[in-house]
Structures are given as C-alpha cells and as structure tokens.
Amino acid sequence: MGGGRDTQAILFDLDGTLIDSAPDLGAAADQMRVARGLASLPLERYRPMAGAGARGMLGIAFGITPDAPEFVSLREEFFLNYEARMLRNTQVFSGVAELVEALCERGLRWGVVTNKSVRFTDPLTRAIPLFGSAGAIISGDTTPYSKPHPEPLFEAARRLGVAPQACVYVGDDERDILAGRAAGMRTIAATYGYMGEQAEVARWDADAAIASPLELLQLLNQA
C-alpha cells in the first residue's frame, strides 16, 4: 500500500469488516419466512448479502427489491426482528481485537463508518467491548448522506481530528472503496467479509486487499 508512515488513523466499515452479524441478520429475515409458512433457508444463502442489510436479506428471503410496494412494511418487520436479536450470535471477526490493540499501541486512532442506522449501531457498539477505544462511530444516518458519499468519512476524520488524506478506510463492499476514494483516503478491500463469489474486487480500484484482519498490520509495515 505504501505511505504508512503518514497514516494517522484507520477507519473501518462495520458489518463484514469488524463484526460478523450475518447469523442475526439472516435469522431475522428467515423468521419472516417461517412465519409465513415458507421453508427456512440456510445461513449460507443469506451470508453473501449480509452487507446489504434489509435490502439484501429481504431479497434473499422473498425475492423482492426496494421498489416493491410491500418492501417498506416488510423492512420494518425485519428491523423489529433484528433489533430483538442483534446481539445473539453476532461476533467480532477473528483477529480484529488483536488488530485494534496493535493499532492503539502504535498510537493510531481508529473509528467506524457504517451505513447501518444509529438505531442498531449504537446498541451494538456499546455492548461489544472492542469499540470502547474507537474515536468515532459514524452511522448511515449520522450525516445527511450514506456511503458511497464521502461525507460520513469526512465526519469521522473531523471527529478524530485527522486530515482525510491521513486516513485509511477498510471495507468489504465496493461502496466502501468508492466512498474512501472520494474522500481522498487510501482504501483496503477486506476480502474475508460478505462479498460473495460474484464480487470483482480487482475492479474496485482499492489500494490493497486483505484476506484476514491482521494482514492490515503487514501493509502498514511496508511503508
């Protein structure tokens, strides 16, 4: 990646990058299927679309898109289901706690920029000890914009007191890379997340890619 010596902060997407929330997201949607007398689907069906939130989960569960007339009511039902269980099986990805500890030891600031709404982000991050050292947690509705718009990343940089150019943004979705590039940040694709087999990571134009969280430290060492 290069340039590690002038890196002052690392920003991360949340779902699929720091935490594996697919089991609870998938279960919230699957609960809706079962309630309607439909067969339960395995988690493997939901996991590749977990990064797309309600849109992805309802797409798998019912084959609908956001322009469907029933989407809004189904989305709220999904949100209520997820809210009731979002801490049941969600876990921090292996290696993330060690990564964050190493970043803090190096004097690097860190934060989260997610499209998840505050309604879910705040309870999740308050309940998981990892996030106690985060200097900024920006949700999809913290600013008037969500990714791929760069404003949430700019807001995170402001809260950390760091220039955007001194930040690295790590995410597992193309919109993360688009947002990071638009903000003037270096970008890293987290390929261990929810991309699925269809993702063409090489076309995202990220500065680098990592197959596990701790590979980020190796990239920072290459400056």
C-alpha atoms as a PDB file:
ATOM      1  CA  MET A   1       0.000   0.000   0.000  1.00  0.00           C
ATOM      2  CA  GLY A   2       2.793   2.372   0.844  1.00  0.00           C
ATOM      3  CA  GLY A   3       2.651   5.628   2.760  1.00  0.00           C
ATOM      4  CA  GLY A   4       2.149   4.004   6.144  1.00  0.00           C
ATOM      5  CA  ARG A   5       4.412   6.462   7.923  1.00  0.00           C
ATOM      6  CA  ASP A   6       1.963   9.329   7.360  1.00  0.00           C
ATOM      7  CA  THR A   7      -1.098   7.287   8.320  1.00  0.00           C
ATOM      8  CA  GLN A   8      -2.671   8.688  11.468  1.00  0.00           C
ATOM      9  CA  ALA A   9      -5.996   6.869  11.587  1.00  0.00           C
ATOM     10  CA  ILE A  10      -7.701   3.714  10.342  1.00  0.00           C
ATOM     11  CA  LEU A  11     -11.423   3.727   9.625  1.00  0.00           C
ATOM     12  CA  PHE A  12     -13.443   0.548   9.186  1.00  0.00           C
ATOM     13  CA  ASP A  13     -16.791  -0.494   7.837  1.00  0.00           C
ATOM     14  CA  LEU A  14     -18.723  -2.471  10.481  1.00  0.00           C
ATOM     15  CA  ASP A  15     -20.667  -5.488   9.185  1.00  0.00           C
ATOM     16  CA  GLY A  16     -18.449  -7.875   7.248  1.00  0.00           C
ATOM     17  CA  THR A  17     -15.287  -5.983   8.204  1.00  0.00           C
ATOM     18  CA  LEU A  18     -15.155  -5.817  12.007  1.00  0.00           C
ATOM     19  CA  ILE A  19     -18.137  -7.934  13.039  1.00  0.00           C
ATOM     20  CA  ASP A  20     -19.851 -10.997  11.626  1.00  0.00           C
ATOM     21  CA  SER A  21     -23.520 -10.091  12.010  1.00  0.00           C
ATOM     22  CA  ALA A  22     -24.740 -12.389   9.227  1.00  0.00           C
ATOM     23  CA  PRO A  23     -26.173 -15.026  11.622  1.00  0.00           C
ATOM     24  CA  ASP A  24     -28.506 -12.487  13.267  1.00  0.00           C
ATOM     25  CA  LEU A  25     -29.357 -10.612  10.061  1.00  0.00           C
ATOM     26  CA  GLY A  26     -30.162 -13.856   8.274  1.00  0.00           C
ATOM     27  CA  ALA A  27     -32.182 -15.196  11.188  1.00  0.00           C
ATOM     28  CA  ALA A  28     -34.244 -12.001  11.350  1.00  0.00           C
ATOM     29  CA  ALA A  29     -35.253 -12.426   7.707  1.00  0.00           C
ATOM     30  CA  ASP A  30     -35.697 -16.176   7.958  1.00  0.00           C
ATOM     31  CA  GLN A  31     -38.044 -15.701  10.891  1.00  0.00           C
ATOM     32  CA  MET A  32     -40.292 -13.778   8.498  1.00  0.00           C
ATOM     33  CA  ARG A  33     -40.273 -16.664   6.004  1.00  0.00           C
ATOM     34  CA  VAL A  34     -41.160 -19.245   8.632  1.00  0.00           C
ATOM     35  CA  ALA A  35     -43.947 -17.014   9.987  1.00  0.00           C
ATOM     36  CA  ARG A  36     -45.484 -17.091   6.509  1.00  0.00           C
ATOM     37  CA  GLY A  37     -45.298 -20.856   6.215  1.00  0.00           C
ATOM     38  CA  LEU A  38     -42.265 -20.828   3.916  1.00  0.00           C
ATOM     39  CA  ALA A  39     -39.331 -23.190   4.306  1.00  0.00           C
ATOM     40  CA  SER A  40     -36.375 -21.990   6.337  1.00  0.00           C
ATOM     41  CA  LEU A  41     -33.259 -21.117   4.328  1.00  0.00           C
ATOM     42  CA  PRO A  42     -29.705 -21.930   5.499  1.00  0.00           C
ATOM     43  CA  LEU A  43     -27.409 -19.138   6.663  1.00  0.00           C
ATOM     44  CA  GLU A  44     -25.176 -19.758   3.638  1.00  0.00           C
ATOM     45  CA  ARG A  45     -27.930 -18.324   1.443  1.00  0.00           C
ATOM     46  CA  TYR A  46     -28.086 -15.085   3.438  1.00  0.00           C
ATOM     47  CA  ARG A  47     -24.406 -14.556   4.252  1.00  0.00           C
ATOM     48  CA  PRO A  48     -23.171 -13.177   0.878  1.00  0.00           C
ATOM     49  CA  MET A  49     -25.817 -10.426   1.030  1.00  0.00           C
ATOM     50  CA  ALA A  50     -25.461  -9.554   4.725  1.00  0.00           C
ATOM     51  CA  GLY A  51     -23.542  -6.378   3.893  1.00  0.00           C
ATOM     52  CA  ALA A  52     -26.592  -5.043   2.049  1.00  0.00           C
ATOM     53  CA  GLY A  53     -28.734  -5.037   5.211  1.00  0.00           C
ATOM     54  CA  ALA A  54     -32.517  -5.165   4.867  1.00  0.00           C
ATOM     55  CA  ARG A  55     -32.353  -4.880   1.086  1.00  0.00           C
ATOM     56  CA  GLY A  56     -30.098  -7.921   0.847  1.00  0.00           C
ATOM     57  CA  MET A  57     -31.849 -10.022   3.459  1.00  0.00           C
ATOM     58  CA  LEU A  58     -35.366  -9.403   2.093  1.00  0.00           C
ATOM     59  CA  GLY A  59     -34.087 -10.017  -1.412  1.00  0.00           C
ATOM     60  CA  ILE A  60     -32.924 -13.487  -0.378  1.00  0.00           C
ATOM     61  CA  ALA A  61     -35.941 -14.265   1.804  1.00  0.00           C
ATOM     62  CA  PHE A  62     -38.651 -13.097  -0.591  1.00  0.00           C
ATOM     63  CA  GLY A  63     -37.008 -12.244  -3.897  1.00  0.00           C
ATOM     64  CA  ILE A  64     -38.157  -8.617  -3.688  1.00  0.00           C
ATOM     65  CA  THR A  65     -36.402  -5.321  -4.387  1.00  0.00           C
ATOM     66  CA  PRO A  66     -36.822  -1.928  -2.669  1.00  0.00           C
ATOM     67  CA  ASP A  67     -39.229  -0.760  -5.371  1.00  0.00           C
ATOM     68  CA  ALA A  68     -41.761  -3.464  -4.460  1.00  0.00           C
ATOM     69  CA  PRO A  69     -44.908  -1.951  -2.868  1.00  0.00           C
ATOM     70  CA  GLU A  70     -44.663  -4.221   0.187  1.00  0.00           C
ATOM     71  CA  PHE A  71     -40.963  -3.535   0.781  1.00  0.00           C
ATOM     72  CA  VAL A  72     -41.364  -0.753   3.370  1.00  0.00           C
ATOM     73  CA  SER A  73     -43.662  -2.769   5.644  1.00  0.00           C
ATOM     74  CA  LEU A  74     -41.507  -5.879   5.303  1.00  0.00           C
ATOM     75  CA  ARG A  75     -38.390  -3.835   6.073  1.00  0.00           C
ATOM     76  CA  GLU A  76     -39.859  -2.543   9.338  1.00  0.00           C
ATOM     77  CA  GLU A  77     -40.842  -6.079  10.335  1.00  0.00           C
ATOM     78  CA  PHE A  78     -37.292  -7.163   9.556  1.00  0.00           C
ATOM     79  CA  PHE A  79     -35.887  -4.285  11.622  1.00  0.00           C
ATOM     80  CA  LEU A  80     -38.009  -5.263  14.631  1.00  0.00           C
ATOM     81  CA  ASN A  81     -36.883  -8.890  14.349  1.00  0.00           C
ATOM     82  CA  TYR A  82     -33.252  -7.880  14.038  1.00  0.00           C
ATOM     83  CA  GLU A  83     -33.457  -5.380  16.894  1.00  0.00           C
ATOM     84  CA  ALA A  84     -34.730  -8.144  19.182  1.00  0.00           C
ATOM     85  CA  ARG A  85     -31.840 -10.498  18.428  1.00  0.00           C
ATOM     86  CA  MET A  86     -28.924  -8.480  17.023  1.00  0.00           C
ATOM     87  CA  LEU A  87     -26.533  -9.450  19.824  1.00  0.00           C
ATOM     88  CA  ARG A  88     -27.468 -13.122  19.963  1.00  0.00           C
ATOM     89  CA  ASN A  89     -24.954 -14.618  17.529  1.00  0.00           C
ATOM     90  CA  THR A  90     -23.011 -11.603  16.236  1.00  0.00           C
ATOM     91  CA  GLN A  91     -19.278 -11.808  16.921  1.00  0.00           C
ATOM     92  CA  VAL A  92     -16.132  -9.837  16.242  1.00  0.00           C
ATOM     93  CA  PHE A  93     -14.161 -11.454  13.405  1.00  0.00           C
ATOM     94  CA  SER A  94     -11.134 -13.476  14.494  1.00  0.00           C
ATOM     95  CA  GLY A  95      -8.041 -11.257  14.596  1.00  0.00           C
ATOM     96  CA  VAL A  96      -9.928  -7.959  14.857  1.00  0.00           C
ATOM     97  CA  ALA A  97      -9.389  -7.483  18.603  1.00  0.00           C
ATOM     98  CA  GLU A  98      -5.652  -8.113  18.188  1.00  0.00           C
ATOM     99  CA  LEU A  99      -5.580  -5.731  15.217  1.00  0.00           C
ATOM    100  CA  VAL A 100      -7.255  -2.905  17.128  1.00  0.00           C
ATOM    101  CA  GLU A 101      -4.946  -3.447  20.111  1.00  0.00           C
ATOM    102  CA  ALA A 102      -1.906  -3.231  17.819  1.00  0.00           C
ATOM    103  CA  LEU A 103      -3.203  -0.048  16.170  1.00  0.00           C
ATOM    104  CA  CYS A 104      -3.702   1.585  19.558  1.00  0.00           C
ATOM    105  CA  GLU A 105      -0.210   0.530  20.660  1.00  0.00           C
ATOM    106  CA  ARG A 106       1.173   2.260  17.565  1.00  0.00           C
ATOM    107  CA  GLY A 107      -0.627   5.461  18.501  1.00  0.00           C
ATOM    108  CA  LEU A 108      -3.013   5.244  15.575  1.00  0.00           C
ATOM    109  CA  ARG A 109      -6.571   6.458  16.051  1.00  0.00           C
ATOM    110  CA  TRP A 110      -9.420   4.360  14.728  1.00  0.00           C
ATOM    111  CA  GLY A 111     -13.109   4.567  14.054  1.00  0.00           C
ATOM    112  CA  VAL A 112     -16.125   3.081  12.314  1.00  0.00           C
ATOM    113  CA  VAL A 113     -18.098   4.324   9.320  1.00  0.00           C
ATOM    114  CA  THR A 114     -21.134   2.166   8.551  1.00  0.00           C
ATOM    115  CA  ASN A 115     -24.366   2.512   6.617  1.00  0.00           C
ATOM    116  CA  LYS A 116     -26.170   0.779   9.493  1.00  0.00           C
ATOM    117  CA  SER A 117     -28.520   3.241  11.186  1.00  0.00           C
ATOM    118  CA  VAL A 118     -27.867   4.647  14.666  1.00  0.00           C
ATOM    119  CA  ARG A 119     -30.854   2.607  15.871  1.00  0.00           C
ATOM    120  CA  PHE A 120     -28.702  -0.516  15.525  1.00  0.00           C
ATOM    121  CA  THR A 121     -25.123   0.777  15.541  1.00  0.00           C
ATOM    122  CA  ASP A 122     -25.267   2.358  18.985  1.00  0.00           C
ATOM    123  CA  PRO A 123     -26.604  -0.656  20.933  1.00  0.00           C
ATOM    124  CA  LEU A 124     -24.210  -2.978  19.104  1.00  0.00           C
ATOM    125  CA  THR A 125     -21.084  -0.939  19.678  1.00  0.00           C
ATOM    126  CA  ARG A 126     -21.995  -0.177  23.293  1.00  0.00           C
ATOM    127  CA  ALA A 127     -22.419  -3.896  24.015  1.00  0.00           C
ATOM    128  CA  ILE A 128     -19.164  -5.051  22.413  1.00  0.00           C
ATOM    129  CA  PRO A 129     -16.045  -4.055  24.442  1.00  0.00           C
ATOM    130  CA  LEU A 130     -13.897  -3.731  21.298  1.00  0.00           C
ATOM    131  CA  PHE A 131     -15.482  -0.389  20.453  1.00  0.00           C
ATOM    132  CA  GLY A 132     -14.575   1.286  23.728  1.00  0.00           C
ATOM    133  CA  SER A 133     -11.360   2.616  22.182  1.00  0.00           C
ATOM    134  CA  ALA A 134     -12.948   3.859  18.943  1.00  0.00           C
ATOM    135  CA  GLY A 135     -12.575   7.601  18.495  1.00  0.00           C
ATOM    136  CA  ALA A 136     -15.504   7.948  16.103  1.00  0.00           C
ATOM    137  CA  ILE A 137     -18.525   5.833  15.229  1.00  0.00           C
ATOM    138  CA  ILE A 138     -20.459   7.156  12.249  1.00  0.00           C
ATOM    139  CA  SER A 139     -23.732   5.540  11.213  1.00  0.00           C
ATOM    140  CA  GLY A 140     -25.633   5.732   7.955  1.00  0.00           C
ATOM    141  CA  ASP A 141     -27.879   8.462   9.346  1.00  0.00           C
ATOM    142  CA  THR A 142     -25.280  10.392  11.384  1.00  0.00           C
ATOM    143  CA  THR A 143     -24.900  12.793   8.439  1.00  0.00           C
ATOM    144  CA  PRO A 144     -27.428  13.557   5.678  1.00  0.00           C
ATOM    145  CA  TYR A 145     -25.555  11.106   3.448  1.00  0.00           C
ATOM    146  CA  SER A 146     -24.527   7.458   3.457  1.00  0.00           C
ATOM    147  CA  LYS A 147     -21.784   5.638   1.569  1.00  0.00           C
ATOM    148  CA  PRO A 148     -20.730   5.762  -1.234  1.00  0.00           C
ATOM    149  CA  HIS A 149     -20.971   9.515  -0.496  1.00  0.00           C
ATOM    150  CA  PRO A 150     -17.739  10.629   1.223  1.00  0.00           C
ATOM    151  CA  GLU A 151     -19.391  12.835   3.865  1.00  0.00           C
ATOM    152  CA  PRO A 152     -19.618  10.114   6.562  1.00  0.00           C
ATOM    153  CA  LEU A 153     -15.866   9.545   6.143  1.00  0.00           C
ATOM    154  CA  PHE A 154     -15.175  13.272   6.334  1.00  0.00           C
ATOM    155  CA  GLU A 155     -17.229  13.412   9.551  1.00  0.00           C
ATOM    156  CA  ALA A 156     -15.222  10.555  11.050  1.00  0.00           C
ATOM    157  CA  ALA A 157     -11.955  12.308  10.174  1.00  0.00           C
ATOM    158  CA  ARG A 158     -13.229  15.522  11.758  1.00  0.00           C
ATOM    159  CA  ARG A 159     -14.160  13.727  14.980  1.00  0.00           C
ATOM    160  CA  LEU A 160     -10.742  12.089  15.092  1.00  0.00           C
ATOM    161  CA  GLY A 161      -9.031  15.401  14.403  1.00  0.00           C
ATOM    162  CA  VAL A 162      -7.175  13.909  11.438  1.00  0.00           C
ATOM    163  CA  ALA A 163      -6.977  15.048   7.810  1.00  0.00           C
ATOM    164  CA  PRO A 164      -8.810  12.679   5.433  1.00  0.00           C
ATOM    165  CA  GLN A 165      -5.579  12.167   3.494  1.00  0.00           C
ATOM    166  CA  ALA A 166      -4.010  10.732   6.654  1.00  0.00           C
ATOM    167  CA  CYS A 167      -6.741   8.079   6.981  1.00  0.00           C
ATOM    168  CA  VAL A 168      -7.047   4.571   5.578  1.00  0.00           C
ATOM    169  CA  TYR A 169     -10.533   3.126   5.048  1.00  0.00           C
ATOM    170  CA  VAL A 170     -11.135  -0.622   5.200  1.00  0.00           C
ATOM    171  CA  GLY A 171     -14.348  -2.194   3.925  1.00  0.00           C
ATOM    172  CA  ASP A 172     -15.821  -5.290   2.312  1.00  0.00           C
ATOM    173  CA  ASP A 173     -18.129  -3.644  -0.238  1.00  0.00           C
ATOM    174  CA  GLU A 174     -17.489  -1.668  -3.402  1.00  0.00           C
ATOM    175  CA  ARG A 175     -19.324   1.332  -1.975  1.00  0.00           C
ATOM    176  CA  ASP A 176     -16.743   1.431   0.848  1.00  0.00           C
ATOM    177  CA  ILE A 177     -13.939   1.765  -1.672  1.00  0.00           C
ATOM    178  CA  LEU A 178     -15.858   4.362  -3.690  1.00  0.00           C
ATOM    179  CA  ALA A 179     -16.507   6.410  -0.551  1.00  0.00           C
ATOM    180  CA  GLY A 180     -12.915   6.168   0.613  1.00  0.00           C
ATOM    181  CA  ARG A 181     -11.517   7.213  -2.735  1.00  0.00           C
ATOM    182  CA  ALA A 182     -13.972  10.123  -2.942  1.00  0.00           C
ATOM    183  CA  ALA A 183     -12.783  11.260   0.484  1.00  0.00           C
ATOM    184  CA  GLY A 184      -9.134  11.159  -0.597  1.00  0.00           C
ATOM    185  CA  MET A 185      -8.322   8.266   1.702  1.00  0.00           C
ATOM    186  CA  ARG A 186      -6.298   5.176   0.914  1.00  0.00           C
ATOM    187  CA  THR A 187      -8.589   2.175   0.648  1.00  0.00           C
ATOM    188  CA  ILE A 188      -8.328  -1.508   1.537  1.00  0.00           C
ATOM    189  CA  ALA A 189     -10.780  -4.203   0.495  1.00  0.00           C
ATOM    190  CA  ALA A 190     -11.498  -6.760   3.222  1.00  0.00           C
ATOM    191  CA  THR A 191     -11.992  -9.939   1.211  1.00  0.00           C
ATOM    192  CA  TYR A 192     -12.878 -12.053   4.266  1.00  0.00           C
ATOM    193  CA  GLY A 193     -16.239 -10.283   4.579  1.00  0.00           C
ATOM    194  CA  TYR A 194     -19.550 -10.727   2.782  1.00  0.00           C
ATOM    195  CA  MET A 195     -18.509 -10.175  -0.807  1.00  0.00           C
ATOM    196  CA  GLY A 196     -19.699 -13.479  -2.159  1.00  0.00           C
ATOM    197  CA  GLU A 197     -18.381 -15.200  -5.251  1.00  0.00           C
ATOM    198  CA  GLN A 198     -19.722 -12.539  -7.612  1.00  0.00           C
ATOM    199  CA  ALA A 199     -17.556  -9.716  -6.283  1.00  0.00           C
ATOM    200  CA  GLU A 200     -14.913  -8.463  -8.692  1.00  0.00           C
ATOM    201  CA  VAL A 201     -12.600  -6.917  -6.144  1.00  0.00           C
ATOM    202  CA  ALA A 202      -9.866  -6.124  -8.643  1.00  0.00           C
ATOM    203  CA  ARG A 203     -12.255  -3.751 -10.416  1.00  0.00           C
ATOM    204  CA  TRP A 204     -12.924  -1.739  -7.284  1.00  0.00           C
ATOM    205  CA  ASP A 205      -9.576   0.043  -7.551  1.00  0.00           C
ATOM    206  CA  ALA A 206      -8.735  -0.319  -3.883  1.00  0.00           C
ATOM    207  CA  ASP A 207      -5.130   0.424  -2.943  1.00  0.00           C
ATOM    208  CA  ALA A 208      -4.792  -3.052  -1.439  1.00  0.00           C
ATOM    209  CA  ALA A 209      -6.767  -6.088  -0.301  1.00  0.00           C
ATOM    210  CA  ILE A 210      -6.511  -8.210   2.827  1.00  0.00           C
ATOM    211  CA  ALA A 211      -7.740 -11.786   3.326  1.00  0.00           C
ATOM    212  CA  SER A 212      -7.654 -11.525   7.134  1.00  0.00           C
ATOM    213  CA  PRO A 213      -7.761  -8.588   9.588  1.00  0.00           C
ATOM    214  CA  LEU A 214      -4.162  -8.927  10.783  1.00  0.00           C
ATOM    215  CA  GLU A 215      -2.844  -8.554   7.221  1.00  0.00           C
ATOM    216  CA  LEU A 216      -3.542  -4.841   7.666  1.00  0.00           C
ATOM    217  CA  LEU A 217      -0.567  -4.619  10.038  1.00  0.00           C
ATOM    218  CA  GLN A 218       1.701  -6.082   7.373  1.00  0.00           C
ATOM    219  CA  LEU A 219       0.547  -3.432   4.906  1.00  0.00           C
ATOM    220  CA  LEU A 220       1.217  -0.665   7.400  1.00  0.00           C
ATOM    221  CA  ASN A 221       4.702  -2.061   7.946  1.00  0.00           C
ATOM    222  CA  GLN A 222       5.513  -1.818   4.244  1.00  0.00           C
ATOM    223  CA  ALA A 223       5.822   1.959   4.205  1.00  0.00           C
END
